[in-house]
Amino acid sequence: MFFKDGWSTLTIQTNGSQADGVQVYAAGYAEGILTRDLIQAYWFNDYQVCIYTTLLEYTLIFLSANCILSILSQQEQNIGKLIHSFFDG
């Protein structure tokens, strides 16, 4: 089912004497049953990695933004103290 390049193929033939809608439905149903393990493997391998990566990126962005805001807040306090000490003298 797998080739050297990592791709898999599935060929399904239907009964031409049946209505087109029946053929399409039956072919799709058969494809789903035959490839469910591959779909599950994809979900466990690729989809969860994407979700984890996205959540990790958002977490890092959130933490970085909060860190920057904290630094700016400290700088603002330091500048405020400097200004007050200058004018209060």
C-alpha atoms as a PDB file:
ATOM      1  CA  MET A   1       0.000   0.000   0.000  1.00  0.00           C
ATOM      2  CA  PHE A   2       2.939   2.372   0.631  1.00  0.00           C
ATOM      3  CA  PHE A   3       5.458   3.282  -1.999  1.00  0.00           C
ATOM      4  CA  LYS A   4       9.080   4.290  -1.516  1.00  0.00           C
ATOM      5  CA  ASP A   5       8.154   7.982  -1.584  1.00  0.00           C
ATOM      6  CA  GLY A   6       5.825   7.628   1.402  1.00  0.00           C
ATOM      7  CA  TRP A   7       2.572   8.012  -0.498  1.00  0.00           C
ATOM      8  CA  SER A   8      -0.139   5.391  -0.517  1.00  0.00           C
ATOM      9  CA  THR A   9      -2.745   4.686  -3.169  1.00  0.00           C
ATOM     10  CA  LEU A  10      -6.188   3.176  -3.094  1.00  0.00           C
ATOM     11  CA  THR A  11      -8.168   2.222  -6.184  1.00  0.00           C
ATOM     12  CA  ILE A  12     -11.871   1.493  -5.847  1.00  0.00           C
ATOM     13  CA  GLN A  13     -14.033   0.282  -8.704  1.00  0.00           C
ATOM     14  CA  THR A  14     -17.797   0.511  -8.517  1.00  0.00           C
ATOM     15  CA  ASN A  15     -20.616  -1.224 -10.337  1.00  0.00           C
ATOM     16  CA  GLY A  16     -21.492   0.910 -13.351  1.00  0.00           C
ATOM     17  CA  SER A  17     -25.045  -0.429 -13.409  1.00  0.00           C
ATOM     18  CA  GLN A  18     -25.840   1.425 -10.172  1.00  0.00           C
ATOM     19  CA  ALA A  19     -26.860   5.069  -9.973  1.00  0.00           C
ATOM     20  CA  ASP A  20     -23.992   7.563  -9.773  1.00  0.00           C
ATOM     21  CA  GLY A  21     -24.988   8.711  -6.270  1.00  0.00           C
ATOM     22  CA  VAL A  22     -24.957   5.125  -4.985  1.00  0.00           C
ATOM     23  CA  GLN A  23     -21.534   4.513  -6.550  1.00  0.00           C
ATOM     24  CA  VAL A  24     -20.054   7.672  -5.059  1.00  0.00           C
ATOM     25  CA  TYR A  25     -21.468   6.954  -1.608  1.00  0.00           C
ATOM     26  CA  ALA A  26     -20.303   3.342  -1.644  1.00  0.00           C
ATOM     27  CA  ALA A  27     -16.809   4.292  -2.874  1.00  0.00           C
ATOM     28  CA  GLY A  28     -16.472   6.973  -0.182  1.00  0.00           C
ATOM     29  CA  TYR A  29     -17.708   4.608   2.512  1.00  0.00           C
ATOM     30  CA  ALA A  30     -15.264   1.907   1.400  1.00  0.00           C
ATOM     31  CA  GLU A  31     -12.406   4.425   1.300  1.00  0.00           C
ATOM     32  CA  GLY A  32     -13.206   5.564   4.819  1.00  0.00           C
ATOM     33  CA  ILE A  33     -13.229   2.028   6.181  1.00  0.00           C
ATOM     34  CA  LEU A  34     -10.049   1.020   4.345  1.00  0.00           C
ATOM     35  CA  THR A  35      -8.076   4.127   5.295  1.00  0.00           C
ATOM     36  CA  ARG A  36      -9.290   4.708   8.854  1.00  0.00           C
ATOM     37  CA  ASP A  37      -6.008   3.488  10.341  1.00  0.00           C
ATOM     38  CA  LEU A  38      -4.037   5.884   8.129  1.00  0.00           C
ATOM     39  CA  ILE A  39      -6.345   8.754   9.062  1.00  0.00           C
ATOM     40  CA  GLN A  40      -5.935   7.952  12.750  1.00  0.00           C
ATOM     41  CA  ALA A  41      -2.132   7.749  12.372  1.00  0.00           C
ATOM     42  CA  TYR A  42      -2.162  11.136  10.628  1.00  0.00           C
ATOM     43  CA  TRP A  43      -4.220  12.637  13.426  1.00  0.00           C
ATOM     44  CA  PHE A  44      -1.959  11.287  16.145  1.00  0.00           C
ATOM     45  CA  ASN A  45       1.257  12.254  14.365  1.00  0.00           C
ATOM     46  CA  ASP A  46       0.654  15.442  12.428  1.00  0.00           C
ATOM     47  CA  TYR A  47      -2.452  17.104  13.792  1.00  0.00           C
ATOM     48  CA  GLN A  48      -1.467  16.848  17.443  1.00  0.00           C
ATOM     49  CA  VAL A  49       2.022  18.165  16.645  1.00  0.00           C
ATOM     50  CA  CYS A  50       0.434  21.163  14.931  1.00  0.00           C
ATOM     51  CA  ILE A  51      -1.860  21.807  17.887  1.00  0.00           C
ATOM     52  CA  TYR A  52       0.997  21.440  20.378  1.00  0.00           C
ATOM     53  CA  THR A  53       3.229  23.723  18.308  1.00  0.00           C
ATOM     54  CA  THR A  54       0.508  26.344  17.993  1.00  0.00           C
ATOM     55  CA  LEU A  55      -0.279  26.245  21.707  1.00  0.00           C
ATOM     56  CA  LEU A  56       3.417  26.425  22.516  1.00  0.00           C
ATOM     57  CA  GLU A  57       3.854  29.421  20.205  1.00  0.00           C
ATOM     58  CA  TYR A  58       0.875  31.226  21.751  1.00  0.00           C
ATOM     59  CA  THR A  59       2.165  30.456  25.231  1.00  0.00           C
ATOM     60  CA  LEU A  60       5.607  31.813  24.372  1.00  0.00           C
ATOM     61  CA  ILE A  61       4.072  34.930  22.803  1.00  0.00           C
ATOM     62  CA  PHE A  62       1.881  35.450  25.883  1.00  0.00           C
ATOM     63  CA  LEU A  63       4.813  35.003  28.268  1.00  0.00           C
ATOM     64  CA  SER A  64       7.051  37.251  26.166  1.00  0.00           C
ATOM     65  CA  ALA A  65       4.415  39.968  26.037  1.00  0.00           C
ATOM     66  CA  ASN A  66       3.901  39.794  29.796  1.00  0.00           C
ATOM     67  CA  CYS A  67       7.655  39.874  30.369  1.00  0.00           C
ATOM     68  CA  ILE A  68       7.998  42.945  28.139  1.00  0.00           C
ATOM     69  CA  LEU A  69       5.089  44.663  29.916  1.00  0.00           C
ATOM     70  CA  SER A  70       6.674  43.891  33.272  1.00  0.00           C
ATOM     71  CA  ILE A  71      10.014  45.349  32.160  1.00  0.00           C
ATOM     72  CA  LEU A  72       8.301  48.452  30.763  1.00  0.00           C
ATOM     73  CA  SER A  73       6.361  48.878  33.980  1.00  0.00           C
ATOM     74  CA  GLN A  74       9.577  48.674  36.007  1.00  0.00           C
ATOM     75  CA  GLN A  75      11.259  51.164  33.683  1.00  0.00           C
ATOM     76  CA  GLU A  76       8.302  53.499  34.004  1.00  0.00           C
ATOM     77  CA  GLN A  77       8.527  53.314  37.792  1.00  0.00           C
ATOM     78  CA  ASN A  78      12.277  53.967  37.674  1.00  0.00           C
ATOM     79  CA  ILE A  79      11.818  56.962  35.371  1.00  0.00           C
ATOM     80  CA  GLY A  80       9.054  58.265  37.632  1.00  0.00           C
ATOM     81  CA  LYS A  81      11.336  58.014  40.665  1.00  0.00           C
ATOM     82  CA  LEU A  82      14.128  59.763  38.766  1.00  0.00           C
ATOM     83  CA  ILE A  83      11.839  62.620  37.710  1.00  0.00           C
ATOM     84  CA  HIS A  84      10.469  63.030  41.236  1.00  0.00           C
ATOM     85  CA  SER A  85      13.964  63.018  42.751  1.00  0.00           C
ATOM     86  CA  PHE A  86      15.093  65.610  40.204  1.00  0.00           C
ATOM     87  CA  PHE A  87      12.244  68.034  40.905  1.00  0.00           C
ATOM     88  CA  ASP A  88      11.981  67.335  44.629  1.00  0.00           C
ATOM     89  CA  GLY A  89      15.718  67.768  44.782  1.00  0.00           C
END
